[in-house]
Amino acid sequence: MYPDHRPRRLRTTPAMRRLVAETTTTPRNLVLPMFVAEGLSDPRPIAAMPGVVQHTQDTLVRAAHDAVAAGVGGLMLFGVPERRDATGSGADDPDGVLNRALAALRSEFGDDTVIMADTCLDEFTDHGHCGVLSRDANGRERIDNDLTVQRYVDMALAQAEAGAHVVSPSGMMDGQVGAIRSALDAANFRHTSVLAYSAKYASALYGPFREAVGSTLVGDRKTYQQDPANAREALRETRLDLAEGADMVMVKPAMLYLDVLREVAAEATVPVAAYQVSGEYAMISAAAANGWIDRDAMILESFTAIRRAGADIVLTYWAAEAAAILR
């Protein structure tokens, strides 16, 4: 009349649950994405992402100190320029907002944290796309893959020169990882790592991010970001990036793509990252603000789900706050 097996014995106390937990998240697993903008005298709040701001150069460094002190594993930097043009010329300008910020962080922290740079043109182009536009044989305007890859190479070299430990090509152009790796090696940046956005989907979850970077995009990015309907394609992209020399690979978004994350983690021979994107942040924040969920519990549970699916690294706007809780 009694069960022979009682799994509940391993759930009896908090200490017991900690002891037998199969998945854990520590501050070192978290990376904090940060925005730095030109022309600001004070941080500018991002309405769709409560608690996240566009930083000035000064407040960026102060916020980075808080994050590093909390034990986060790294910082991912995005630049928001005042002026944009068709080719995103500010992206590889040593005096551009992103490269100046990278240099400031490297000067401040040296090798005490991992400084990552978003290697993409969308924040810097006046059309808001992640690459250079050209017209095909039928006169249709398209993203020119190969011209864009050359711009990514220029951008990666500028970021490495500024002090980035990691460059992160996120535009989903064919051949981007191999071209960047070859250029970095040729320029004696052999120790600069490449984090490949191997499976970046054309998701509806990026809306708040576009406010965060002041995006000028009209239309969508479905001709270069992955179709949410496809999973095997993510494995093909991952294999190509690994063959081209990626040091880490990423799945983006995280929470709606845990099945993809699981498959990529099983395939990858390098660390796997997952990006908990702006829409995921906004949904949890909005539900918590309405009293529908326990905010802190939901944040930590979301990390557990992402880590359980196979992520070694979680990019999240809660990184600094959550690191303090986890410690």
Protein backbone atom coordinates (compact mmCIF):
# COMPACT_ATOMS: atom_id res chain seq x y z
CA MET A 1 0.00 0.00 0.00
CA TYR A 2 3.06 2.24 0.14
CA PRO A 3 5.33 3.27 -2.77
CA ASP A 4 8.70 1.57 -3.08
CA HIS A 5 10.28 4.73 -4.51
CA ARG A 6 10.01 8.17 -2.94
CA PRO A 7 11.67 10.83 -5.12
CA ARG A 8 10.26 13.49 -2.78
CA ARG A 9 12.98 12.63 -0.26
CA LEU A 10 15.34 14.68 -2.40
CA ARG A 11 13.04 17.73 -2.22
CA THR A 12 12.50 17.88 1.54
CA THR A 13 14.59 20.97 2.42
CA PRO A 14 16.22 23.90 0.61
CA ALA A 15 19.63 22.46 1.50
CA MET A 16 18.71 19.09 0.00
CA ARG A 17 17.38 20.71 -3.17
CA ARG A 18 20.58 22.73 -3.54
CA LEU A 19 22.67 19.61 -3.06
CA VAL A 20 20.99 17.61 -5.82
CA ALA A 21 20.22 20.41 -8.30
CA GLU A 22 21.10 19.30 -11.81
CA THR A 23 21.26 22.83 -13.25
CA THR A 24 22.74 25.90 -11.63
CA THR A 25 23.32 29.49 -12.71
CA THR A 26 26.20 31.50 -11.31
CA PRO A 27 27.12 35.14 -11.98
CA ARG A 28 29.97 34.03 -14.23
CA ASN A 29 27.43 32.48 -16.63
CA LEU A 30 25.80 35.89 -17.25
CA VAL A 31 26.75 38.61 -19.73
CA LEU A 32 25.27 42.11 -19.52
CA PRO A 33 24.33 43.83 -22.80
CA MET A 34 24.83 47.60 -22.51
CA PHE A 35 23.97 50.56 -24.74
CA VAL A 36 26.12 53.68 -25.07
CA ALA A 37 24.81 56.67 -27.03
CA GLU A 38 26.29 59.86 -28.42
CA GLY A 39 24.96 63.29 -27.53
CA LEU A 40 23.64 62.49 -24.05
CA SER A 41 24.40 64.39 -20.86
CA ASP A 42 22.43 61.90 -18.73
CA PRO A 43 21.31 58.30 -19.24
CA ARG A 44 18.17 57.99 -21.34
CA PRO A 45 15.58 55.44 -20.14
CA ILE A 46 14.24 52.91 -22.65
CA ALA A 47 10.48 52.92 -22.18
CA ALA A 48 9.87 49.35 -23.34
CA MET A 49 12.67 47.99 -21.12
CA PRO A 50 12.13 49.32 -17.57
CA GLY A 51 15.45 49.68 -15.78
CA VAL A 52 17.56 49.66 -18.97
CA VAL A 53 19.06 52.88 -20.33
CA GLN A 54 21.19 54.30 -23.07
CA HIS A 55 24.36 55.28 -21.23
CA THR A 56 26.70 58.19 -21.57
CA GLN A 57 30.38 57.26 -21.73
CA ASP A 58 30.75 58.12 -18.02
CA THR A 59 27.69 56.27 -16.77
CA LEU A 60 28.62 53.28 -18.90
CA VAL A 61 31.86 52.88 -16.98
CA ARG A 62 30.13 53.31 -13.61
CA ALA A 63 27.46 50.74 -14.48
CA ALA A 64 30.13 48.38 -15.77
CA HIS A 65 31.92 48.64 -12.40
CA ASP A 66 28.72 47.59 -10.63
CA ALA A 67 28.29 44.62 -12.95
CA VAL A 68 31.88 43.47 -12.64
CA ALA A 69 31.74 43.84 -8.87
CA ALA A 70 28.62 41.65 -8.86
CA GLY A 71 30.62 38.97 -10.67
CA VAL A 72 29.06 38.94 -14.15
CA GLY A 73 31.06 37.04 -16.71
CA GLY A 74 31.23 39.77 -19.35
CA LEU A 75 29.83 42.90 -20.95
CA MET A 76 28.34 43.10 -24.47
CA LEU A 77 28.45 46.60 -25.91
CA PHE A 78 26.15 48.26 -28.47
CA GLY A 79 26.75 51.78 -29.82
CA VAL A 80 24.08 54.33 -30.72
CA PRO A 81 25.54 57.08 -32.95
CA GLU A 82 24.06 60.49 -33.69
CA ARG A 83 24.77 60.26 -37.42
CA ARG A 84 24.20 57.32 -39.75
CA ASP A 85 24.83 56.67 -43.43
CA ALA A 86 24.29 54.02 -46.07
CA THR A 87 27.40 51.98 -45.26
CA GLY A 88 27.51 52.50 -41.50
CA SER A 89 30.83 54.33 -41.65
CA GLY A 90 30.72 55.10 -37.92
CA ALA A 91 31.02 51.41 -37.12
CA ASP A 92 34.74 51.20 -37.81
CA ASP A 93 35.63 54.81 -36.97
CA PRO A 94 38.15 54.73 -34.09
CA ASP A 95 36.44 57.86 -32.75
CA GLY A 96 32.95 56.39 -33.16
CA VAL A 97 30.76 55.93 -30.13
CA LEU A 98 31.17 52.16 -29.89
CA ASN A 99 34.93 52.03 -30.35
CA ARG A 100 35.54 54.86 -27.89
CA ALA A 101 33.42 53.04 -25.34
CA LEU A 102 35.27 49.77 -25.91
CA ALA A 103 38.58 51.54 -25.40
CA ALA A 104 37.31 53.16 -22.21
CA LEU A 105 36.18 49.83 -20.77
CA ARG A 106 39.42 48.07 -21.72
CA SER A 107 41.43 50.88 -20.15
CA GLU A 108 39.33 50.70 -17.00
CA PHE A 109 39.16 46.92 -16.54
CA GLY A 110 42.02 45.46 -18.52
CA ASP A 111 41.52 41.70 -18.47
CA ASP A 112 39.41 41.65 -15.28
CA THR A 113 36.24 41.06 -17.29
CA VAL A 114 35.42 39.94 -20.83
CA ILE A 115 34.61 42.90 -23.08
CA MET A 116 32.43 41.91 -26.03
CA ALA A 117 31.44 44.02 -29.01
CA ASP A 118 28.40 43.67 -31.22
CA THR A 119 29.81 43.43 -34.74
CA CYS A 120 26.88 44.54 -36.86
CA LEU A 121 25.93 47.58 -38.91
CA ASP A 122 22.24 48.05 -38.08
CA GLU A 123 22.86 50.71 -35.43
CA PHE A 124 25.07 52.63 -37.86
CA THR A 125 23.14 52.54 -41.16
CA ASP A 126 20.53 55.13 -42.09
CA HIS A 127 18.29 52.37 -43.51
CA GLY A 128 18.54 50.26 -40.37
CA HIS A 129 19.57 47.04 -42.06
CA CYS A 130 22.50 44.93 -40.91
CA GLY A 131 24.42 45.37 -44.15
CA VAL A 132 25.15 47.28 -47.31
CA LEU A 133 22.33 47.66 -49.84
CA SER A 134 22.75 47.07 -53.57
CA ARG A 135 20.47 46.26 -56.50
CA ASP A 136 20.27 42.85 -58.11
CA ALA A 137 19.92 42.11 -61.84
CA ASN A 138 16.19 42.78 -61.64
CA GLY A 139 16.69 46.15 -59.98
CA ARG A 140 15.51 44.98 -56.57
CA GLU A 141 17.26 46.36 -53.51
CA ARG A 142 18.96 43.64 -51.47
CA ILE A 143 21.50 43.24 -48.72
CA ASP A 144 24.78 42.59 -50.53
CA ASN A 145 26.28 39.68 -48.61
CA ASP A 146 29.90 40.03 -49.71
CA LEU A 147 30.13 43.82 -49.43
CA THR A 148 28.58 43.51 -45.98
CA VAL A 149 31.09 40.88 -44.88
CA GLN A 150 33.92 43.26 -45.81
CA ARG A 151 32.32 45.93 -43.65
CA TYR A 152 32.12 43.42 -40.79
CA VAL A 153 35.82 42.72 -41.24
CA ASP A 154 36.59 46.45 -41.00
CA MET A 155 34.38 46.72 -37.95
CA ALA A 156 35.91 43.69 -36.20
CA LEU A 157 39.43 45.01 -36.76
CA ALA A 158 38.46 48.40 -35.30
CA GLN A 159 36.86 46.71 -32.30
CA ALA A 160 39.88 44.53 -31.67
CA GLU A 161 42.13 47.59 -31.94
CA ALA A 162 39.89 49.38 -29.42
CA GLY A 163 40.33 46.55 -26.95
CA ALA A 164 37.45 44.11 -27.36
CA HIS A 165 38.28 40.62 -26.15
CA VAL A 166 35.43 39.22 -28.25
CA VAL A 167 33.89 40.36 -31.53
CA SER A 168 30.37 39.16 -32.22
CA PRO A 169 29.16 39.11 -35.83
CA SER A 170 25.37 39.06 -35.58
CA GLY A 171 24.22 39.92 -39.10
CA MET A 172 23.82 36.32 -40.37
CA MET A 173 25.84 36.95 -43.54
CA ASP A 174 27.28 33.86 -45.24
CA GLY A 175 31.02 33.54 -44.61
CA GLN A 176 31.21 36.29 -41.98
CA VAL A 177 33.02 34.23 -39.35
CA GLY A 178 35.72 32.92 -41.64
CA ALA A 179 36.43 36.35 -43.12
CA ILE A 180 36.68 37.96 -39.70
CA ARG A 181 38.88 35.19 -38.31
CA SER A 182 41.29 35.43 -41.22
CA ALA A 183 41.49 39.21 -40.96
CA LEU A 184 42.06 39.17 -37.20
CA ASP A 185 44.83 36.62 -37.53
CA ALA A 186 46.49 38.53 -40.36
CA ALA A 187 46.44 41.72 -38.26
CA ASN A 188 48.01 39.93 -35.27
CA PHE A 189 44.78 39.82 -33.25
CA ARG A 190 45.10 36.06 -32.87
CA HIS A 191 43.88 36.16 -29.28
CA THR A 192 40.66 38.02 -30.08
CA SER A 193 37.74 35.59 -29.92
CA VAL A 194 34.79 35.35 -32.28
CA LEU A 195 31.32 34.78 -30.84
CA ALA A 196 29.13 33.79 -33.79
CA TYR A 197 25.42 34.52 -33.75
CA SER A 198 24.97 31.18 -35.49
CA ALA A 199 21.20 30.85 -35.06
CA LYS A 200 19.67 34.31 -35.01
CA TYR A 201 16.01 34.22 -35.90
CA ALA A 202 13.81 36.85 -37.57
CA SER A 203 11.80 37.09 -34.39
CA ALA A 204 8.98 39.38 -33.28
CA LEU A 205 10.75 39.69 -29.93
CA TYR A 206 13.21 42.39 -31.00
CA GLY A 207 10.82 45.35 -30.84
CA PRO A 208 12.11 46.95 -27.62
CA PHE A 209 15.71 46.59 -28.83
CA ARG A 210 14.89 48.76 -31.81
CA GLU A 211 13.87 51.51 -29.43
CA ALA A 212 17.07 50.93 -27.47
CA VAL A 213 19.27 51.60 -30.51
CA GLY A 214 16.99 54.15 -32.20
CA SER A 215 16.54 51.84 -35.19
CA THR A 216 15.54 53.38 -38.52
CA LEU A 217 14.55 50.03 -40.03
CA VAL A 218 11.62 49.89 -42.43
CA GLY A 219 10.52 46.36 -43.32
CA ASP A 220 12.12 43.24 -41.91
CA ARG A 221 15.28 41.14 -41.95
CA LYS A 222 13.80 37.89 -43.17
CA THR A 223 16.20 37.52 -46.11
CA TYR A 224 19.16 37.10 -43.78
CA GLN A 225 17.94 36.18 -40.29
CA GLN A 226 16.59 32.65 -39.89
CA ASP A 227 12.99 31.61 -40.37
CA PRO A 228 11.39 30.72 -36.99
CA ALA A 229 9.88 27.66 -38.67
CA ASN A 230 13.30 26.06 -39.19
CA ALA A 231 15.43 24.12 -36.72
CA ARG A 232 17.71 21.96 -38.90
CA GLU A 233 18.88 25.15 -40.58
CA ALA A 234 20.30 26.28 -37.25
CA LEU A 235 22.50 23.20 -37.11
CA ARG A 236 23.75 23.85 -40.63
CA GLU A 237 24.62 27.44 -39.72
CA THR A 238 26.34 26.27 -36.53
CA ARG A 239 28.43 23.70 -38.37
CA LEU A 240 29.52 26.28 -40.92
CA ASP A 241 30.51 28.77 -38.21
CA LEU A 242 32.48 26.11 -36.35
CA ALA A 243 34.26 25.16 -39.56
CA GLU A 244 35.10 28.83 -40.13
CA GLY A 245 36.71 29.16 -36.71
CA ALA A 246 34.04 30.39 -34.30
CA ASP A 247 35.24 30.27 -30.70
CA MET A 248 31.68 30.41 -29.33
CA VAL A 249 28.24 30.14 -30.92
CA MET A 250 24.91 31.70 -30.01
CA VAL A 251 21.18 31.08 -30.28
CA LYS A 252 18.97 34.19 -30.31
CA PRO A 253 16.28 34.58 -28.96
CA ALA A 254 16.55 32.19 -26.04
CA MET A 255 13.28 31.37 -24.36
CA LEU A 256 11.10 30.58 -27.40
CA TYR A 257 13.95 28.63 -29.03
CA LEU A 258 14.98 26.23 -26.27
CA ASP A 259 14.53 23.28 -28.64
CA VAL A 260 17.01 24.86 -31.04
CA LEU A 261 19.35 25.68 -28.18
CA ARG A 262 19.29 22.03 -27.07
CA GLU A 263 20.18 20.84 -30.58
CA VAL A 264 22.95 23.40 -31.03
CA ALA A 265 24.44 22.56 -27.62
CA ALA A 266 24.50 18.88 -28.56
CA GLU A 267 26.26 19.73 -31.84
CA ALA A 268 28.73 22.37 -30.72
CA THR A 269 32.27 21.64 -29.61
CA VAL A 270 32.68 25.18 -28.21
CA PRO A 271 30.83 27.18 -25.52
CA VAL A 272 27.22 27.98 -26.38
CA ALA A 273 25.54 31.30 -25.59
CA ALA A 274 21.86 32.23 -25.64
CA TYR A 275 20.51 35.78 -25.73
CA GLN A 276 17.46 36.55 -23.58
CA VAL A 277 16.31 39.35 -25.85
CA SER A 278 14.52 42.62 -25.26
CA GLY A 279 11.03 41.23 -25.90
CA GLU A 280 11.58 38.47 -23.37
CA TYR A 281 12.77 41.06 -20.85
CA ALA A 282 9.78 43.29 -21.60
CA MET A 283 7.21 40.48 -21.25
CA ILE A 284 8.47 39.39 -17.84
CA SER A 285 8.77 43.01 -16.69
CA ALA A 286 5.23 43.84 -17.81
CA ALA A 287 3.70 40.76 -16.20
CA ALA A 288 5.52 41.48 -12.95
CA ALA A 289 4.44 45.13 -13.00
CA ASN A 290 0.82 43.95 -13.23
CA GLY A 291 1.31 41.63 -10.27
CA TRP A 292 0.72 38.50 -12.37
CA ILE A 293 4.05 36.80 -11.60
CA ASP A 294 6.80 36.89 -8.99
CA ARG A 295 9.43 38.93 -10.82
CA ASP A 296 12.63 37.67 -9.18
CA ALA A 297 11.48 34.05 -9.18
CA MET A 298 10.57 34.30 -12.87
CA ILE A 299 13.93 35.82 -13.77
CA LEU A 300 15.84 33.04 -12.04
CA GLU A 301 13.55 30.35 -13.45
CA SER A 302 14.08 31.69 -16.95
CA PHE A 303 17.85 31.40 -16.48
CA THR A 304 17.44 27.82 -15.27
CA ALA A 305 15.43 26.93 -18.37
CA ILE A 306 18.02 28.46 -20.69
CA ARG A 307 20.90 26.79 -18.89
CA ARG A 308 19.06 23.46 -18.70
CA ALA A 309 18.58 23.55 -22.47
CA GLY A 310 22.35 23.77 -22.90
CA ALA A 311 23.56 27.38 -22.69
CA ASP A 312 26.94 27.91 -21.04
CA ILE A 313 26.48 31.69 -21.27
CA VAL A 314 23.28 33.72 -20.92
CA LEU A 315 23.13 37.27 -22.26
CA THR A 316 20.50 39.09 -20.23
CA TYR A 317 19.65 42.65 -19.27
CA TRP A 318 19.19 41.39 -15.70
CA ALA A 319 22.77 40.14 -15.46
CA ALA A 320 24.04 42.61 -12.84
CA GLU A 321 20.89 42.52 -10.74
CA ALA A 322 20.58 38.75 -10.92
CA ALA A 323 24.28 38.26 -10.14
CA ALA A 324 23.80 40.10 -6.87
CA ILE A 325 20.82 37.85 -6.02
CA LEU A 326 22.69 34.69 -6.99
CA ARG A 327 25.68 35.62 -4.85
